[in-house]
Amino acid sequence: MRETGPGIAVAGNLIVDQIKYVERYPSPQTLAAIRRMELSIGGLACNCALTLAKLDPRLPLSVIGVLGQDEMARHVLDAFAHHPNIDTSRIRQAGQTSYTDVMTTPDGGRTFFTYSGSNALLTAADFDFTDLDAGLLHVGYILLLEGLDREDPDYPTAMCRVLDRARRAGIATSIDVISEDSGRYRELVVPALPYTDYLSINEIEAERTTGIALRDSKGDLIAANLRAACQRLLELGVGRWAVIHSQYLSGGMERGGPYVEEASWPIPPGFKKSSVGAGDAFTSGLLYAIWKGWDLARAIHVAGAVAAWSLSGAGGADAILPLDELLAKMQAFRA
């Protein structure tokens, strides 16, 4: 895929994040004070579209999803309107806009309470590839899109139908999933992998998808197992790149190629404001690298920098800068 070719389409969750900063996360039946609240937009389609638009205003972008007919929808559309390279004509409006309460503790940890709302109305019928100016489709989150997670008469899920139709239209596919404490990964994520060219997920999601342990009893990353997990994702059907990102390091493998690993970028004390959307920021960096035609090692390097810089903003895309400027600032932390 070359820079002069078609752009990137991002599809799926469009969410308004109500980021609430709490003094601590309370135990059941106890109270904790909310110190302040910020309104941001989130979800895969919001985070990735805005991050990519900020990384490079020359990149043609399309957003596919469903927003409500309410003020929250206007908040999302206004954010997109600041970026002329984002085409929102494929956003349908129905129902009530999805929202998430993001409870954020002083150490940057976050817990999510989400209302599916209009996101549940997104179906395979919302995807028309006949005149889509895109060579790459990134869609998700699997496990949080009821209309695409449901069974399909001809495919394991409606998501599989969408991915297969995109490929048949000559569009490469990429997916992301949500971190969930459930056994649904085998029934909803695994069937989508044979229809997926690029996969970027965190270690929790990768562990539940592959069955390979990636966190120990303390919740720490088992780095020695990252390579095996990437290999397993390729065995399950991922077509080109399988990438696993974490707070400490990220690893990836290209089909027929070597395993690549890189430690996370260092950040100075006090730099981190919130980790909301950091995973989408990493994936956006990866998607941009795919669009540019860069190799996997460079892609992981750039994706890590974008994710690290995103930590300085309240929302996933709030702090993002043009890529050259962002990389220069991140490189200064390594001096």
C-alpha atoms as a PDB file:
ATOM      1  CA  MET A   1       0.000   0.000   0.000  1.00  0.00           C
ATOM      2  CA  ARG A   2       1.466   3.381  -1.013  1.00  0.00           C
ATOM      3  CA  GLU A   3       0.956   6.916   0.258  1.00  0.00           C
ATOM      4  CA  THR A   4      -0.430   8.004  -3.116  1.00  0.00           C
ATOM      5  CA  GLY A   5      -3.097   5.289  -3.094  1.00  0.00           C
ATOM      6  CA  PRO A   6      -6.553   5.168  -1.475  1.00  0.00           C
ATOM      7  CA  GLY A   7      -7.000   6.194   2.131  1.00  0.00           C
ATOM      8  CA  ILE A   8      -8.143   4.459   5.298  1.00  0.00           C
ATOM      9  CA  ALA A   9     -11.700   3.758   6.450  1.00  0.00           C
ATOM     10  CA  VAL A  10     -12.365   3.331  10.167  1.00  0.00           C
ATOM     11  CA  ALA A  11     -15.626   1.794  11.283  1.00  0.00           C
ATOM     12  CA  GLY A  12     -17.363   0.832  14.487  1.00  0.00           C
ATOM     13  CA  ASN A  13     -17.746   2.371  17.905  1.00  0.00           C
ATOM     14  CA  LEU A  14     -18.513   6.094  18.077  1.00  0.00           C
ATOM     15  CA  ILE A  15     -18.690   7.000  21.747  1.00  0.00           C
ATOM     16  CA  VAL A  16     -18.802  10.101  23.918  1.00  0.00           C
ATOM     17  CA  ASP A  17     -16.486   9.602  26.901  1.00  0.00           C
ATOM     18  CA  GLN A  18     -17.415  11.246  30.176  1.00  0.00           C
ATOM     19  CA  ILE A  19     -14.002  11.120  31.866  1.00  0.00           C
ATOM     20  CA  LYS A  20     -14.501  11.354  35.602  1.00  0.00           C
ATOM     21  CA  TYR A  21     -11.435  11.769  37.798  1.00  0.00           C
ATOM     22  CA  VAL A  22     -12.033  10.076  41.138  1.00  0.00           C
ATOM     23  CA  GLU A  23      -9.950  10.191  44.318  1.00  0.00           C
ATOM     24  CA  ARG A  24      -9.927   6.384  44.385  1.00  0.00           C
ATOM     25  CA  TYR A  25     -11.936   3.525  42.971  1.00  0.00           C
ATOM     26  CA  PRO A  26     -14.466   2.568  45.669  1.00  0.00           C
ATOM     27  CA  SER A  27     -15.188  -0.898  46.928  1.00  0.00           C
ATOM     28  CA  PRO A  28     -18.826  -2.086  46.675  1.00  0.00           C
ATOM     29  CA  GLN A  29     -21.376  -0.056  48.650  1.00  0.00           C
ATOM     30  CA  THR A  30     -18.891   2.742  49.407  1.00  0.00           C
ATOM     31  CA  LEU A  31     -18.517   6.246  48.000  1.00  0.00           C
ATOM     32  CA  ALA A  32     -15.646   8.057  46.285  1.00  0.00           C
ATOM     33  CA  ALA A  33     -15.614  11.712  45.261  1.00  0.00           C
ATOM     34  CA  ILE A  34     -15.404  12.840  41.634  1.00  0.00           C
ATOM     35  CA  ARG A  35     -12.844  15.659  41.571  1.00  0.00           C
ATOM     36  CA  ARG A  36     -13.525  16.830  38.021  1.00  0.00           C
ATOM     37  CA  MET A  37     -15.027  15.709  34.725  1.00  0.00           C
ATOM     38  CA  GLU A  38     -14.020  16.193  31.099  1.00  0.00           C
ATOM     39  CA  LEU A  39     -16.064  15.432  28.024  1.00  0.00           C
ATOM     40  CA  SER A  40     -14.213  13.734  25.209  1.00  0.00           C
ATOM     41  CA  ILE A  41     -15.068  11.470  22.336  1.00  0.00           C
ATOM     42  CA  GLY A  42     -13.868   7.908  22.149  1.00  0.00           C
ATOM     43  CA  GLY A  43     -14.420   4.507  20.709  1.00  0.00           C
ATOM     44  CA  LEU A  44     -12.418   3.031  17.865  1.00  0.00           C
ATOM     45  CA  ALA A  45     -13.904   5.070  15.015  1.00  0.00           C
ATOM     46  CA  CYS A  46     -13.508   8.381  16.862  1.00  0.00           C
ATOM     47  CA  ASN A  47     -10.066   7.730  18.323  1.00  0.00           C
ATOM     48  CA  CYS A  48      -8.492   6.276  15.197  1.00  0.00           C
ATOM     49  CA  ALA A  49     -10.004   8.757  12.728  1.00  0.00           C
ATOM     50  CA  LEU A  50      -8.958  11.787  14.781  1.00  0.00           C
ATOM     51  CA  THR A  51      -5.502  10.408  15.564  1.00  0.00           C
ATOM     52  CA  LEU A  52      -4.821   9.603  11.913  1.00  0.00           C
ATOM     53  CA  ALA A  53      -6.150  12.998  10.797  1.00  0.00           C
ATOM     54  CA  LYS A  54      -3.783  14.741  13.210  1.00  0.00           C
ATOM     55  CA  LEU A  55      -0.799  12.587  12.287  1.00  0.00           C
ATOM     56  CA  ASP A  56      -1.196  13.519   8.616  1.00  0.00           C
ATOM     57  CA  PRO A  57      -3.839  15.924   7.237  1.00  0.00           C
ATOM     58  CA  ARG A  58      -3.112  14.615   3.717  1.00  0.00           C
ATOM     59  CA  LEU A  59      -4.420  11.151   4.531  1.00  0.00           C
ATOM     60  CA  PRO A  60      -7.943  10.541   3.122  1.00  0.00           C
ATOM     61  CA  LEU A  61     -10.152   9.135   5.877  1.00  0.00           C
ATOM     62  CA  SER A  62     -13.701   7.804   5.951  1.00  0.00           C
ATOM     63  CA  VAL A  63     -15.768   7.028   9.050  1.00  0.00           C
ATOM     64  CA  ILE A  64     -18.493   4.360   9.068  1.00  0.00           C
ATOM     65  CA  GLY A  65     -20.806   4.057  12.064  1.00  0.00           C
ATOM     66  CA  VAL A  66     -24.061   5.089  13.729  1.00  0.00           C
ATOM     67  CA  LEU A  67     -24.621   8.133  15.939  1.00  0.00           C
ATOM     68  CA  GLY A  68     -27.771   9.114  17.786  1.00  0.00           C
ATOM     69  CA  GLN A  69     -30.043  12.017  16.989  1.00  0.00           C
ATOM     70  CA  ASP A  70     -28.977  14.118  19.970  1.00  0.00           C
ATOM     71  CA  GLU A  71     -26.507  16.688  21.317  1.00  0.00           C
ATOM     72  CA  MET A  72     -23.861  14.052  21.980  1.00  0.00           C
ATOM     73  CA  ALA A  73     -23.874  13.227  18.254  1.00  0.00           C
ATOM     74  CA  ARG A  74     -23.307  16.887  17.448  1.00  0.00           C
ATOM     75  CA  HIS A  75     -20.301  16.892  19.780  1.00  0.00           C
ATOM     76  CA  VAL A  76     -18.765  14.030  17.776  1.00  0.00           C
ATOM     77  CA  LEU A  77     -19.561  15.506  14.362  1.00  0.00           C
ATOM     78  CA  ASP A  78     -18.157  18.893  15.388  1.00  0.00           C
ATOM     79  CA  ALA A  79     -14.872  17.225  16.329  1.00  0.00           C
ATOM     80  CA  PHE A  80     -14.662  15.527  12.930  1.00  0.00           C
ATOM     81  CA  ALA A  81     -15.551  18.778  11.149  1.00  0.00           C
ATOM     82  CA  HIS A  82     -12.245  20.349  12.241  1.00  0.00           C
ATOM     83  CA  HIS A  83     -10.439  17.943   9.890  1.00  0.00           C
ATOM     84  CA  PRO A  84     -11.220  18.368   6.172  1.00  0.00           C
ATOM     85  CA  ASN A  85      -9.648  14.990   5.361  1.00  0.00           C
ATOM     86  CA  ILE A  86     -12.321  13.106   7.361  1.00  0.00           C
ATOM     87  CA  ASP A  87     -15.388  12.086   5.327  1.00  0.00           C
ATOM     88  CA  THR A  88     -18.396  11.570   7.623  1.00  0.00           C
ATOM     89  CA  SER A  89     -20.988  10.957   4.896  1.00  0.00           C
ATOM     90  CA  ARG A  90     -21.184   7.258   5.839  1.00  0.00           C
ATOM     91  CA  ILE A  91     -22.254   7.943   9.422  1.00  0.00           C
ATOM     92  CA  ARG A  92     -25.932   7.093   9.900  1.00  0.00           C
ATOM     93  CA  GLN A  93     -27.959   8.765  12.676  1.00  0.00           C
ATOM     94  CA  ALA A  94     -30.487   6.765  14.692  1.00  0.00           C
ATOM     95  CA  GLY A  95     -31.304   6.103  18.332  1.00  0.00           C
ATOM     96  CA  GLN A  96     -29.273   7.543  21.229  1.00  0.00           C
ATOM     97  CA  THR A  97     -25.534   8.140  20.977  1.00  0.00           C
ATOM     98  CA  SER A  98     -23.392   5.629  22.821  1.00  0.00           C
ATOM     99  CA  TYR A  99     -21.491   6.895  25.839  1.00  0.00           C
ATOM    100  CA  THR A 100     -18.988   5.621  28.378  1.00  0.00           C
ATOM    101  CA  ASP A 101     -18.261   6.756  31.916  1.00  0.00           C
ATOM    102  CA  VAL A 102     -14.486   6.491  32.316  1.00  0.00           C
ATOM    103  CA  MET A 103     -13.596   6.396  36.005  1.00  0.00           C
ATOM    104  CA  THR A 104      -9.949   7.506  36.230  1.00  0.00           C
ATOM    105  CA  THR A 105      -7.833   7.189  39.375  1.00  0.00           C
ATOM    106  CA  PRO A 106      -4.823   9.412  40.243  1.00  0.00           C
ATOM    107  CA  ASP A 107      -2.360   6.781  38.949  1.00  0.00           C
ATOM    108  CA  GLY A 108      -3.955   6.858  35.500  1.00  0.00           C
ATOM    109  CA  GLY A 109      -5.851   3.594  35.890  1.00  0.00           C
ATOM    110  CA  ARG A 110      -9.321   3.531  34.395  1.00  0.00           C
ATOM    111  CA  THR A 111     -12.552   1.529  34.645  1.00  0.00           C
ATOM    112  CA  PHE A 112     -15.304   1.769  32.043  1.00  0.00           C
ATOM    113  CA  PHE A 113     -19.096   1.717  32.239  1.00  0.00           C
ATOM    114  CA  THR A 114     -20.594   1.844  28.754  1.00  0.00           C
ATOM    115  CA  TYR A 115     -24.023   2.264  27.178  1.00  0.00           C
ATOM    116  CA  SER A 116     -24.150   0.629  23.744  1.00  0.00           C
ATOM    117  CA  GLY A 117     -26.855   2.915  22.341  1.00  0.00           C
ATOM    118  CA  SER A 118     -26.524   3.668  18.627  1.00  0.00           C
ATOM    119  CA  ASN A 119     -23.432   1.459  18.250  1.00  0.00           C
ATOM    120  CA  ALA A 120     -25.693  -1.574  18.593  1.00  0.00           C
ATOM    121  CA  LEU A 121     -27.522  -0.457  15.427  1.00  0.00           C
ATOM    122  CA  LEU A 122     -24.464  -0.787  13.155  1.00  0.00           C
ATOM    123  CA  THR A 123     -24.951  -3.753  10.815  1.00  0.00           C
ATOM    124  CA  ALA A 124     -23.384  -5.223   7.694  1.00  0.00           C
ATOM    125  CA  ALA A 125     -25.885  -3.198   5.644  1.00  0.00           C
ATOM    126  CA  ASP A 126     -24.048   0.001   6.666  1.00  0.00           C
ATOM    127  CA  PHE A 127     -20.969  -1.063   4.693  1.00  0.00           C
ATOM    128  CA  ASP A 128     -20.999  -0.191   0.990  1.00  0.00           C
ATOM    129  CA  PHE A 129     -17.603  -0.720  -0.617  1.00  0.00           C
ATOM    130  CA  THR A 130     -18.518   0.127  -4.213  1.00  0.00           C
ATOM    131  CA  ASP A 131     -17.216   3.710  -4.098  1.00  0.00           C
ATOM    132  CA  LEU A 132     -15.264   3.783  -0.829  1.00  0.00           C
ATOM    133  CA  ASP A 133     -11.953   5.649  -1.237  1.00  0.00           C
ATOM    134  CA  ALA A 134      -9.973   3.290   0.961  1.00  0.00           C
ATOM    135  CA  GLY A 135      -7.355   0.610   0.560  1.00  0.00           C
ATOM    136  CA  LEU A 136      -7.554  -0.373   4.228  1.00  0.00           C
ATOM    137  CA  LEU A 137     -10.547  -0.908   6.524  1.00  0.00           C
ATOM    138  CA  HIS A 138     -10.082  -0.893  10.296  1.00  0.00           C
ATOM    139  CA  VAL A 139     -13.174  -2.015  12.207  1.00  0.00           C
ATOM    140  CA  GLY A 140     -14.104  -2.760  15.824  1.00  0.00           C
ATOM    141  CA  TYR A 141     -14.495  -3.267  18.622  1.00  0.00           C
ATOM    142  CA  ILE A 142     -15.517  -6.893  18.351  1.00  0.00           C
ATOM    143  CA  LEU A 143     -17.462  -7.846  21.523  1.00  0.00           C
ATOM    144  CA  LEU A 144     -18.950  -4.333  21.683  1.00  0.00           C
ATOM    145  CA  LEU A 145     -20.944  -4.126  18.437  1.00  0.00           C
ATOM    146  CA  GLU A 146     -24.137  -6.107  18.838  1.00  0.00           C
ATOM    147  CA  GLY A 147     -25.197  -5.777  15.208  1.00  0.00           C
ATOM    148  CA  LEU A 148     -21.874  -7.147  13.917  1.00  0.00           C
ATOM    149  CA  ASP A 149     -21.276  -9.695  16.692  1.00  0.00           C
ATOM    150  CA  ARG A 150     -24.508 -11.539  15.898  1.00  0.00           C
ATOM    151  CA  GLU A 151     -24.657 -14.729  13.862  1.00  0.00           C
ATOM    152  CA  ASP A 152     -24.936 -14.504  10.081  1.00  0.00           C
ATOM    153  CA  PRO A 153     -26.676 -16.998   7.746  1.00  0.00           C
ATOM    154  CA  ASP A 154     -23.534 -17.440   5.619  1.00  0.00           C
ATOM    155  CA  TYR A 155     -20.675 -16.557   8.007  1.00  0.00           C
ATOM    156  CA  PRO A 156     -19.803 -17.211  11.661  1.00  0.00           C
ATOM    157  CA  THR A 157     -20.725 -13.581  12.435  1.00  0.00           C
ATOM    158  CA  ALA A 158     -21.875 -10.466  10.598  1.00  0.00           C
ATOM    159  CA  MET A 159     -18.399  -9.019  11.220  1.00  0.00           C
ATOM    160  CA  CYS A 160     -16.933 -11.844   9.145  1.00  0.00           C
ATOM    161  CA  ARG A 161     -19.310 -10.942   6.323  1.00  0.00           C
ATOM    162  CA  VAL A 162     -18.143  -7.305   6.386  1.00  0.00           C
ATOM    163  CA  LEU A 163     -14.461  -8.265   6.381  1.00  0.00           C
ATOM    164  CA  ASP A 164     -14.881 -10.774   3.567  1.00  0.00           C
ATOM    165  CA  ARG A 165     -16.808  -8.267   1.431  1.00  0.00           C
ATOM    166  CA  ALA A 166     -14.071  -5.678   1.979  1.00  0.00           C
ATOM    167  CA  ARG A 167     -11.375  -8.094   0.868  1.00  0.00           C
ATOM    168  CA  ARG A 168     -13.384  -9.043  -2.211  1.00  0.00           C
ATOM    169  CA  ALA A 169     -13.526  -5.328  -3.027  1.00  0.00           C
ATOM    170  CA  GLY A 170      -9.722  -5.164  -2.877  1.00  0.00           C
ATOM    171  CA  ILE A 171      -9.575  -3.540   0.569  1.00  0.00           C
ATOM    172  CA  ALA A 172      -7.176  -4.887   3.205  1.00  0.00           C
ATOM    173  CA  THR A 173      -8.743  -5.488   6.626  1.00  0.00           C
ATOM    174  CA  SER A 174      -7.782  -4.727  10.202  1.00  0.00           C
ATOM    175  CA  ILE A 175      -9.730  -5.415  13.398  1.00  0.00           C
ATOM    176  CA  ASP A 176      -9.593  -4.570  17.060  1.00  0.00           C
ATOM    177  CA  VAL A 177     -11.413  -6.016  20.058  1.00  0.00           C
ATOM    178  CA  ILE A 178     -12.406  -4.839  23.517  1.00  0.00           C
ATOM    179  CA  SER A 179     -10.873  -6.104  26.752  1.00  0.00           C
ATOM    180  CA  GLU A 180     -13.581  -8.146  28.417  1.00  0.00           C
ATOM    181  CA  ASP A 181     -13.618 -10.690  31.221  1.00  0.00           C
ATOM    182  CA  SER A 182     -15.555 -13.383  29.385  1.00  0.00           C
ATOM    183  CA  GLY A 183     -15.271 -16.492  27.265  1.00  0.00           C
ATOM    184  CA  ARG A 184     -16.686 -14.828  24.140  1.00  0.00           C
ATOM    185  CA  TYR A 185     -13.328 -14.432  22.397  1.00  0.00           C
ATOM    186  CA  ARG A 186     -13.413 -17.955  20.965  1.00  0.00           C
ATOM    187  CA  GLU A 187     -16.884 -17.522  19.505  1.00  0.00           C
ATOM    188  CA  LEU A 188     -16.588 -13.945  18.202  1.00  0.00           C
ATOM    189  CA  VAL A 189     -12.908 -12.999  17.771  1.00  0.00           C
ATOM    190  CA  VAL A 190     -11.326 -16.244  16.561  1.00  0.00           C
ATOM    191  CA  PRO A 191     -13.794 -16.697  13.642  1.00  0.00           C
ATOM    192  CA  ALA A 192     -12.917 -13.209  12.341  1.00  0.00           C
ATOM    193  CA  LEU A 193      -9.163 -13.848  12.152  1.00  0.00           C
ATOM    194  CA  PRO A 194      -9.182 -15.700   8.779  1.00  0.00           C
ATOM    195  CA  TYR A 195     -10.830 -12.596   7.285  1.00  0.00           C
ATOM    196  CA  THR A 196      -8.268 -10.236   8.861  1.00  0.00           C
ATOM    197  CA  ASP A 197      -5.037  -8.974   7.281  1.00  0.00           C
ATOM    198  CA  TYR A 198      -3.747  -6.882  10.211  1.00  0.00           C
ATOM    199  CA  LEU A 199      -4.409  -7.443  13.916  1.00  0.00           C
ATOM    200  CA  SER A 200      -3.346  -5.170  16.778  1.00  0.00           C
ATOM    201  CA  ILE A 201      -4.558  -6.130  20.269  1.00  0.00           C
ATOM    202  CA  ASN A 202      -3.263  -5.885  23.837  1.00  0.00           C
ATOM    203  CA  GLU A 203      -1.881  -8.727  25.916  1.00  0.00           C
ATOM    204  CA  ILE A 204      -5.166  -9.330  27.769  1.00  0.00           C
ATOM    205  CA  GLU A 205      -7.100  -9.718  24.527  1.00  0.00           C
ATOM    206  CA  ALA A 206      -4.342 -11.826  22.968  1.00  0.00           C
ATOM    207  CA  GLU A 207      -4.270 -14.182  25.945  1.00  0.00           C
ATOM    208  CA  ARG A 208      -8.022 -14.736  25.794  1.00  0.00           C
ATOM    209  CA  THR A 209      -7.938 -15.215  22.034  1.00  0.00           C
ATOM    210  CA  THR A 210      -4.986 -17.625  21.873  1.00  0.00           C
ATOM    211  CA  GLY A 211      -5.150 -19.367  25.251  1.00  0.00           C
ATOM    212  CA  ILE A 212      -1.445 -18.557  25.793  1.00  0.00           C
ATOM    213  CA  ALA A 213      -0.703 -16.996  29.193  1.00  0.00           C
ATOM    214  CA  LEU A 214       0.566 -13.426  28.840  1.00  0.00           C
ATOM    215  CA  ARG A 215       0.031 -12.153  32.384  1.00  0.00           C
ATOM    216  CA  ASP A 216       1.153 -13.765  35.617  1.00  0.00           C
ATOM    217  CA  SER A 217      -0.771 -13.964  38.895  1.00  0.00           C
ATOM    218  CA  LYS A 218       0.315 -10.394  39.746  1.00  0.00           C
ATOM    219  CA  GLY A 219      -0.920  -9.066  36.412  1.00  0.00           C
ATOM    220  CA  ASP A 220       2.587  -8.540  35.034  1.00  0.00           C
ATOM    221  CA  LEU A 221       3.393  -9.213  31.392  1.00  0.00           C
ATOM    222  CA  ILE A 222       4.924 -12.602  30.570  1.00  0.00           C
ATOM    223  CA  ALA A 223       7.163 -11.206  27.830  1.00  0.00           C
ATOM    224  CA  ALA A 224       8.677 -14.581  26.991  1.00  0.00           C
ATOM    225  CA  ASN A 225       5.313 -15.744  25.615  1.00  0.00           C
ATOM    226  CA  LEU A 226       4.656 -12.831  23.248  1.00  0.00           C
ATOM    227  CA  ARG A 227       6.335 -14.497  20.288  1.00  0.00           C
ATOM    228  CA  ALA A 228       4.327 -17.705  20.705  1.00  0.00           C
ATOM    229  CA  ALA A 229       1.095 -15.721  20.977  1.00  0.00           C
ATOM    230  CA  CYS A 230       1.851 -13.804  17.762  1.00  0.00           C
ATOM    231  CA  GLN A 231       2.616 -17.071  16.012  1.00  0.00           C
ATOM    232  CA  ARG A 232      -0.633 -18.559  17.267  1.00  0.00           C
ATOM    233  CA  LEU A 233      -2.630 -15.590  15.941  1.00  0.00           C
ATOM    234  CA  LEU A 234      -1.136 -16.194  12.497  1.00  0.00           C
ATOM    235  CA  GLU A 235      -1.982 -19.887  12.787  1.00  0.00           C
ATOM    236  CA  LEU A 236      -5.574 -18.898  13.599  1.00  0.00           C
ATOM    237  CA  GLY A 237      -5.762 -17.090  10.279  1.00  0.00           C
ATOM    238  CA  VAL A 238      -4.406 -13.520  10.476  1.00  0.00           C
ATOM    239  CA  GLY A 239      -3.169 -12.832   6.969  1.00  0.00           C
ATOM    240  CA  ARG A 240      -0.246 -10.415   7.298  1.00  0.00           C
ATOM    241  CA  TRP A 241       0.668  -8.871  10.668  1.00  0.00           C
ATOM    242  CA  ALA A 242      -0.194 -10.011  14.192  1.00  0.00           C
ATOM    243  CA  VAL A 243       0.838  -7.392  16.762  1.00  0.00           C
ATOM    244  CA  ILE A 244       0.433  -7.440  20.546  1.00  0.00           C
ATOM    245  CA  HIS A 245       0.955  -4.184  22.468  1.00  0.00           C
ATOM    246  CA  SER A 246       1.334  -3.692  26.205  1.00  0.00           C
ATOM    247  CA  GLN A 247       2.373  -1.032  28.685  1.00  0.00           C
ATOM    248  CA  TYR A 248       5.946  -2.325  28.756  1.00  0.00           C
ATOM    249  CA  LEU A 249       6.734  -3.599  25.274  1.00  0.00           C
ATOM    250  CA  SER A 250       5.142  -4.677  22.036  1.00  0.00           C
ATOM    251  CA  GLY A 251       5.795  -7.576  19.719  1.00  0.00           C
ATOM    252  CA  GLY A 252       4.675  -8.528  16.271  1.00  0.00           C
ATOM    253  CA  MET A 253       5.120 -11.081  13.540  1.00  0.00           C
ATOM    254  CA  GLU A 254       4.599 -10.894   9.798  1.00  0.00           C
ATOM    255  CA  ARG A 255       3.429 -14.015   7.992  1.00  0.00           C
ATOM    256  CA  GLY A 256       6.591 -15.636   6.661  1.00  0.00           C
ATOM    257  CA  GLY A 257       8.785 -13.130   8.502  1.00  0.00           C
ATOM    258  CA  PRO A 258      10.708 -12.818  11.782  1.00  0.00           C
ATOM    259  CA  TYR A 259       9.353 -11.834  15.178  1.00  0.00           C
ATOM    260  CA  VAL A 260       9.879  -8.134  16.033  1.00  0.00           C
ATOM    261  CA  GLU A 261       9.850  -6.675  19.547  1.00  0.00           C
ATOM    262  CA  GLU A 262      10.435  -3.211  20.992  1.00  0.00           C
ATOM    263  CA  ALA A 263      10.261  -1.787  24.516  1.00  0.00           C
ATOM    264  CA  SER A 264       7.804   1.028  25.166  1.00  0.00           C
ATOM    265  CA  TRP A 265       9.091   4.578  24.831  1.00  0.00           C
ATOM    266  CA  PRO A 266      10.234   6.267  28.070  1.00  0.00           C
ATOM    267  CA  ILE A 267       8.204   9.181  29.375  1.00  0.00           C
ATOM    268  CA  PRO A 268       9.198  11.678  32.087  1.00  0.00           C
ATOM    269  CA  PRO A 269       7.558  11.848  35.527  1.00  0.00           C
ATOM    270  CA  GLY A 270       4.257  13.714  35.486  1.00  0.00           C
ATOM    271  CA  PHE A 271       3.852  13.345  31.712  1.00  0.00           C
ATOM    272  CA  LYS A 272       1.005  10.843  31.862  1.00  0.00           C
ATOM    273  CA  LYS A 273      -2.437  12.406  32.186  1.00  0.00           C
ATOM    274  CA  SER A 274      -4.625   9.486  31.141  1.00  0.00           C
ATOM    275  CA  SER A 275      -4.289   6.171  29.335  1.00  0.00           C
ATOM    276  CA  VAL A 276      -7.772   6.440  27.753  1.00  0.00           C
ATOM    277  CA  GLY A 277      -7.454   5.504  24.082  1.00  0.00           C
ATOM    278  CA  ALA A 278      -3.754   4.566  24.238  1.00  0.00           C
ATOM    279  CA  GLY A 279      -4.469   1.252  22.524  1.00  0.00           C
ATOM    280  CA  ASP A 280      -6.265   3.011  19.675  1.00  0.00           C
ATOM    281  CA  ALA A 281      -3.359   5.455  19.415  1.00  0.00           C
ATOM    282  CA  PHE A 282      -0.936   2.543  19.037  1.00  0.00           C
ATOM    283  CA  THR A 283      -3.119   0.952  16.382  1.00  0.00           C
ATOM    284  CA  SER A 284      -3.467   4.280  14.556  1.00  0.00           C
ATOM    285  CA  GLY A 285       0.303   4.529  14.341  1.00  0.00           C
ATOM    286  CA  LEU A 286       0.376   1.007  12.957  1.00  0.00           C
ATOM    287  CA  LEU A 287      -2.346   1.795  10.396  1.00  0.00           C
ATOM    288  CA  TYR A 288      -0.454   4.883   9.279  1.00  0.00           C
ATOM    289  CA  ALA A 289       2.690   2.808   8.795  1.00  0.00           C
ATOM    290  CA  ILE A 290       0.727   0.324   6.686  1.00  0.00           C
ATOM    291  CA  TRP A 291      -0.578   3.182   4.539  1.00  0.00           C
ATOM    292  CA  LYS A 292       2.979   4.488   4.119  1.00  0.00           C
ATOM    293  CA  GLY A 293       4.249   1.032   3.181  1.00  0.00           C
ATOM    294  CA  TRP A 294       6.721   0.779   6.076  1.00  0.00           C
ATOM    295  CA  ASP A 295       7.993  -2.539   7.421  1.00  0.00           C
ATOM    296  CA  LEU A 296       6.771  -4.109  10.661  1.00  0.00           C
ATOM    297  CA  ALA A 297       9.752  -3.030  12.783  1.00  0.00           C
ATOM    298  CA  ARG A 298       9.337   0.619  11.821  1.00  0.00           C
ATOM    299  CA  ALA A 299       5.584   0.332  12.246  1.00  0.00           C
ATOM    300  CA  ILE A 300       5.901  -0.901  15.846  1.00  0.00           C
ATOM    301  CA  HIS A 301       8.476   1.805  16.586  1.00  0.00           C
ATOM    302  CA  VAL A 302       6.162   4.564  15.325  1.00  0.00           C
ATOM    303  CA  ALA A 303       3.039   3.052  16.898  1.00  0.00           C
ATOM    304  CA  GLY A 304       4.752   2.959  20.296  1.00  0.00           C
ATOM    305  CA  ALA A 305       5.662   6.627  20.028  1.00  0.00           C
ATOM    306  CA  VAL A 306       2.107   7.641  19.094  1.00  0.00           C
ATOM    307  CA  ALA A 307       0.696   5.620  22.000  1.00  0.00           C
ATOM    308  CA  ALA A 308       3.183   7.109  24.481  1.00  0.00           C
ATOM    309  CA  TRP A 309       2.495  10.677  23.372  1.00  0.00           C
ATOM    310  CA  SER A 310      -1.256  10.103  23.634  1.00  0.00           C
ATOM    311  CA  LEU A 311      -0.832   9.601  27.390  1.00  0.00           C
ATOM    312  CA  SER A 312      -0.365  13.366  27.808  1.00  0.00           C
ATOM    313  CA  GLY A 313      -3.981  14.056  26.786  1.00  0.00           C
ATOM    314  CA  ALA A 314      -7.283  13.438  28.545  1.00  0.00           C
ATOM    315  CA  GLY A 315      -8.823  11.680  25.539  1.00  0.00           C
ATOM    316  CA  GLY A 316      -7.297   9.222  23.120  1.00  0.00           C
ATOM    317  CA  ALA A 317      -6.549  11.744  20.349  1.00  0.00           C
ATOM    318  CA  ASP A 318      -6.433  15.002  22.302  1.00  0.00           C
ATOM    319  CA  ALA A 319      -2.636  15.380  22.437  1.00  0.00           C
ATOM    320  CA  ILE A 320      -1.759  13.977  18.991  1.00  0.00           C
ATOM    321  CA  LEU A 321       0.549  16.048  16.774  1.00  0.00           C
ATOM    322  CA  PRO A 322       1.760  15.700  13.168  1.00  0.00           C
ATOM    323  CA  LEU A 323       3.919  12.584  13.142  1.00  0.00           C
ATOM    324  CA  ASP A 324       7.291  14.241  12.443  1.00  0.00           C
ATOM    325  CA  GLU A 325       6.759  16.683  15.305  1.00  0.00           C
ATOM    326  CA  LEU A 326       5.518  13.952  17.623  1.00  0.00           C
ATOM    327  CA  LEU A 327       8.523  11.719  16.897  1.00  0.00           C
ATOM    328  CA  ALA A 328      10.957  14.588  17.491  1.00  0.00           C
ATOM    329  CA  LYS A 329       9.424  15.303  20.886  1.00  0.00           C
ATOM    330  CA  MET A 330       9.408  11.631  21.855  1.00  0.00           C
ATOM    331  CA  GLN A 331      13.025  11.214  20.732  1.00  0.00           C
ATOM    332  CA  ALA A 332      14.026  13.979  23.154  1.00  0.00           C
ATOM    333  CA  PHE A 333      12.920  11.734  26.033  1.00  0.00           C
ATOM    334  CA  ARG A 334      15.581   9.211  24.990  1.00  0.00           C
ATOM    335  CA  ALA A 335      18.398  11.776  24.941  1.00  0.00           C
END
